[in-house]
C-alpha atoms as a PDB file:
ATOM      1  CA  VAL A   1     -15.095  23.164  11.650  1.00  0.00           C
ATOM      2  CA  HIS A   2     -16.039  21.238   8.538  1.00  0.00           C
ATOM      3  CA  LEU A   3     -14.101  20.583   5.323  1.00  0.00           C
ATOM      4  CA  VAL A   4     -15.541  18.703   2.357  1.00  0.00           C
ATOM      5  CA  GLU A   5     -13.542  17.677  -0.705  1.00  0.00           C
ATOM      6  CA  SER A   6     -15.053  16.964  -4.108  1.00  0.00           C
ATOM      7  CA  GLY A   7     -13.975  16.556  -7.699  1.00  0.00           C
ATOM      8  CA  GLY A   8     -12.034  13.322  -7.590  1.00  0.00           C
ATOM      9  CA  GLY A   9     -12.490  10.531 -10.090  1.00  0.00           C
ATOM     10  CA  LEU A  10     -10.907   8.363 -12.733  1.00  0.00           C
ATOM     11  CA  VAL A  11      -8.841  10.101 -15.415  1.00  0.00           C
ATOM     12  CA  GLN A  12      -6.441   8.939 -18.102  1.00  0.00           C
ATOM     13  CA  PRO A  13      -2.749   9.800 -17.947  1.00  0.00           C
ATOM     14  CA  GLY A  14      -2.215  13.305 -19.260  1.00  0.00           C
ATOM     15  CA  GLY A  15      -5.703  14.358 -18.234  1.00  0.00           C
ATOM     16  CA  SER A  16      -6.914  17.004 -15.804  1.00  0.00           C
ATOM     17  CA  LEU A  17      -9.094  17.259 -12.730  1.00  0.00           C
ATOM     18  CA  ARG A  18     -10.058  20.096 -10.418  1.00  0.00           C
ATOM     19  CA  LEU A  19     -10.521  19.312  -6.751  1.00  0.00           C
ATOM     20  CA  SER A  20     -12.571  21.548  -4.467  1.00  0.00           C
ATOM     21  CA  CYS A  21     -12.489  21.922  -0.701  1.00  0.00           C
ATOM     22  CA  ALA A  22     -15.464  23.747   0.776  1.00  0.00           C
ATOM     23  CA  PHE A  23     -15.080  24.652   4.423  1.00  0.00           C
ATOM     24  CA  SER A  24     -16.965  26.280   7.283  1.00  0.00           C
ATOM     25  CA  GLY A  25     -16.089  27.380  10.784  1.00  0.00           C
ATOM     26  CA  ILE A  26     -12.737  28.846   9.759  1.00  0.00           C
ATOM     27  CA  THR A  27     -11.521  31.560   7.429  1.00  0.00           C
ATOM     28  CA  PHE A  28      -8.640  32.029   5.031  1.00  0.00           C
ATOM     29  CA  ASP A  29      -7.422  34.889   7.236  1.00  0.00           C
ATOM     30  CA  ASP A  30      -6.857  32.665  10.262  1.00  0.00           C
ATOM     31  CA  TYR A  31      -5.761  29.359   8.763  1.00  0.00           C
ATOM     32  CA  ALA A  32      -3.541  27.918   6.108  1.00  0.00           C
ATOM     33  CA  ILE A  33      -5.361  25.430   3.914  1.00  0.00           C
ATOM     34  CA  ALA A  34      -3.425  22.565   2.391  1.00  0.00           C
ATOM     35  CA  TRP A  35      -3.828  19.607   0.096  1.00  0.00           C
ATOM     36  CA  PHE A  36      -2.292  16.300   1.166  1.00  0.00           C
ATOM     37  CA  ARG A  37      -2.464  12.926  -0.530  1.00  0.00           C
ATOM     38  CA  GLN A  38      -1.999   9.346   0.517  1.00  0.00           C
ATOM     39  CA  ALA A  39      -1.414   6.432  -1.798  1.00  0.00           C
ATOM     40  CA  PRO A  40      -1.899   2.828  -0.665  1.00  0.00           C
ATOM     41  CA  GLY A  41       0.992   1.700   1.519  1.00  0.00           C
ATOM     42  CA  LYS A  42       2.558   5.157   1.613  1.00  0.00           C
ATOM     43  CA  GLU A  43       2.673   7.968   4.117  1.00  0.00           C
ATOM     44  CA  ARG A  44       0.472  11.003   3.760  1.00  0.00           C
ATOM     45  CA  GLU A  45       2.394  13.711   1.917  1.00  0.00           C
ATOM     46  CA  ALA A  46       1.920  17.407   1.307  1.00  0.00           C
ATOM     47  CA  VAL A  47       0.925  18.432  -2.198  1.00  0.00           C
ATOM     48  CA  SER A  48       0.257  22.159  -1.890  1.00  0.00           C
ATOM     49  CA  CYS A  49      -0.813  24.812   0.579  1.00  0.00           C
ATOM     50  CA  LEU A  50      -1.967  28.403   0.655  1.00  0.00           C
ATOM     51  CA  SER A  51      -1.664  31.000   3.387  1.00  0.00           C
ATOM     52  CA  LYS A  52      -3.344  34.307   2.710  1.00  0.00           C
ATOM     53  CA  SER A  53      -1.931  35.919   5.838  1.00  0.00           C
ATOM     54  CA  TYR A  54       1.637  35.230   4.650  1.00  0.00           C
ATOM     55  CA  GLY A  55       0.760  35.588   0.979  1.00  0.00           C
ATOM     56  CA  SER A  56       2.502  32.278   0.345  1.00  0.00           C
ATOM     57  CA  THR A  57       1.952  29.039  -1.490  1.00  0.00           C
ATOM     58  CA  TYR A  58       3.824  25.755  -1.530  1.00  0.00           C
ATOM     59  CA  TYR A  59       4.039  22.974  -4.095  1.00  0.00           C
ATOM     60  CA  ALA A  60       5.733  19.623  -3.741  1.00  0.00           C
ATOM     61  CA  ASP A  61       8.488  19.146  -6.311  1.00  0.00           C
ATOM     62  CA  SER A  62       6.558  16.263  -7.822  1.00  0.00           C
ATOM     63  CA  VAL A  63       3.638  18.504  -8.808  1.00  0.00           C
ATOM     64  CA  LYS A  64       5.315  21.824  -9.625  1.00  0.00           C
ATOM     65  CA  GLY A  65       4.286  23.075 -13.027  1.00  0.00           C
ATOM     66  CA  ARG A  66       1.352  20.660 -13.185  1.00  0.00           C
ATOM     67  CA  PHE A  67      -0.851  21.578 -10.199  1.00  0.00           C
ATOM     68  CA  THR A  68      -2.199  24.999  -9.250  1.00  0.00           C
ATOM     69  CA  ILE A  69      -3.776  25.966  -5.950  1.00  0.00           C
ATOM     70  CA  SER A  70      -6.353  28.759  -5.823  1.00  0.00           C
ATOM     71  CA  SER A  71      -9.155  30.046  -3.662  1.00  0.00           C
ATOM     72  CA  ASN A  72     -12.529  31.725  -3.632  1.00  0.00           C
ATOM     73  CA  THR A  73     -12.786  33.718  -0.437  1.00  0.00           C
ATOM     74  CA  ASP A  74     -16.466  34.539  -0.886  1.00  0.00           C
ATOM     75  CA  ARG A  75     -17.302  30.850  -1.130  1.00  0.00           C
ATOM     76  CA  ASN A  76     -14.781  29.668   1.498  1.00  0.00           C
ATOM     77  CA  THR A  77     -13.467  27.206  -1.053  1.00  0.00           C
ATOM     78  CA  LEU A  78      -9.987  26.025  -1.965  1.00  0.00           C
ATOM     79  CA  TYR A  79      -9.207  24.464  -5.332  1.00  0.00           C
ATOM     80  CA  LEU A  80      -6.494  22.271  -6.756  1.00  0.00           C
ATOM     81  CA  GLN A  81      -6.271  22.289 -10.532  1.00  0.00           C
ATOM     82  CA  MET A  82      -4.367  19.175 -11.598  1.00  0.00           C
ATOM     83  CA  SER A  83      -3.052  18.824 -15.138  1.00  0.00           C
ATOM     84  CA  SER A  84      -0.775  16.402 -16.964  1.00  0.00           C
ATOM     85  CA  LEU A  85      -1.780  13.764 -14.464  1.00  0.00           C
ATOM     86  CA  LYS A  86       0.414  10.704 -14.043  1.00  0.00           C
ATOM     87  CA  PRO A  87      -0.358   7.258 -12.619  1.00  0.00           C
ATOM     88  CA  GLU A  88       1.815   8.124  -9.627  1.00  0.00           C
ATOM     89  CA  ASP A  89      -0.651  10.902  -8.747  1.00  0.00           C
ATOM     90  CA  THR A  90      -3.176   8.217  -7.827  1.00  0.00           C
ATOM     91  CA  ALA A  91      -4.112   8.684  -4.167  1.00  0.00           C
ATOM     92  CA  VAL A  92      -6.772   9.871  -1.780  1.00  0.00           C
ATOM     93  CA  TYR A  93      -6.535  13.652  -1.656  1.00  0.00           C
ATOM     94  CA  TYR A  94      -7.342  15.457   1.558  1.00  0.00           C
ATOM     95  CA  CYS A  95      -7.705  19.118   2.384  1.00  0.00           C
ATOM     96  CA  ALA A  96      -6.719  20.276   5.828  1.00  0.00           C
ATOM     97  CA  ALA A  97      -6.555  23.479   7.865  1.00  0.00           C
ATOM     98  CA  GLY A  98      -3.729  24.481  10.151  1.00  0.00           C
ATOM     99  CA  GLY A  99      -1.925  27.451  11.613  1.00  0.00           C
ATOM    100  CA  THR A 100      -0.921  29.977   9.000  1.00  0.00           C
ATOM    101  CA  TYR A 101       2.723  29.633  10.054  1.00  0.00           C
ATOM    102  CA  TYR A 102       2.752  26.094   8.654  1.00  0.00           C
ATOM    103  CA  CYS A 103       2.432  27.369   5.110  1.00  0.00           C
ATOM    104  CA  SER A 104       4.887  30.215   5.269  1.00  0.00           C
ATOM    105  CA  PRO A 105       8.377  31.050   4.033  1.00  0.00           C
ATOM    106  CA  TYR A 106       9.655  30.127   7.515  1.00  0.00           C
ATOM    107  CA  THR A 107       8.786  26.450   7.424  1.00  0.00           C
ATOM    108  CA  ASP A 108       9.631  23.414   5.350  1.00  0.00           C
ATOM    109  CA  SER A 109       6.975  21.455   3.540  1.00  0.00           C
ATOM    110  CA  PRO A 110       3.630  21.175   5.353  1.00  0.00           C
ATOM    111  CA  HIS A 111       3.402  18.242   7.733  1.00  0.00           C
ATOM    112  CA  PRO A 112       0.153  16.499   8.668  1.00  0.00           C
ATOM    113  CA  ARG A 113       0.901  16.811  12.402  1.00  0.00           C
ATOM    114  CA  ASN A 114       0.583  20.596  12.124  1.00  0.00           C
ATOM    115  CA  TYR A 115      -2.856  20.547  10.556  1.00  0.00           C
ATOM    116  CA  ASP A 116      -5.774  20.390  12.933  1.00  0.00           C
ATOM    117  CA  PHE A 117      -8.862  19.942  10.790  1.00  0.00           C
ATOM    118  CA  TRP A 118      -9.330  17.458   7.949  1.00  0.00           C
ATOM    119  CA  GLY A 119     -11.825  16.553   5.287  1.00  0.00           C
ATOM    120  CA  GLN A 120     -12.858  12.989   4.511  1.00  0.00           C
ATOM    121  CA  GLY A 121     -10.809  12.778   1.297  1.00  0.00           C
ATOM    122  CA  THR A 122     -11.572  12.253  -2.369  1.00  0.00           C
ATOM    123  CA  GLN A 123     -10.122   9.487  -4.532  1.00  0.00           C
ATOM    124  CA  VAL A 124      -8.099  10.366  -7.614  1.00  0.00           C
ATOM    125  CA  THR A 125      -7.197   7.499  -9.920  1.00  0.00           C
ATOM    126  CA  VAL A 126      -4.999   8.040 -12.968  1.00  0.00           C
ATOM    127  CA  SER A 127      -5.116   5.031 -15.231  1.00  0.00           C
ATOM    128  CA  SER A 128      -5.633   4.064 -18.830  1.00  0.00           C
END
């Protein structure tokens, strides 16, 4: 299993970025795919996830209305469109794959311990 994030960079407050997560060895049918982020000195936190088998998505309260998760099944790629970016969005963003149950209406926010496969991360810096 292999996940590779791309699309990070430096952006001014109020700007936009689109992150991509290309993966192999798994499928959207069998796994939930999530975005997590980790800022310096902070714990890794869930940003968003998508489970096609449950037809569900999740967004952290801090990003609702600003971030949108989407997918391209043919390309085995997950996206995170980030708009109205704030300095507090600065972090390393990771995509991860886990059991579909862990992005379903039956669970709370995704937790890193329930995700088995991880990418290497991409840095997002929001600064003027």
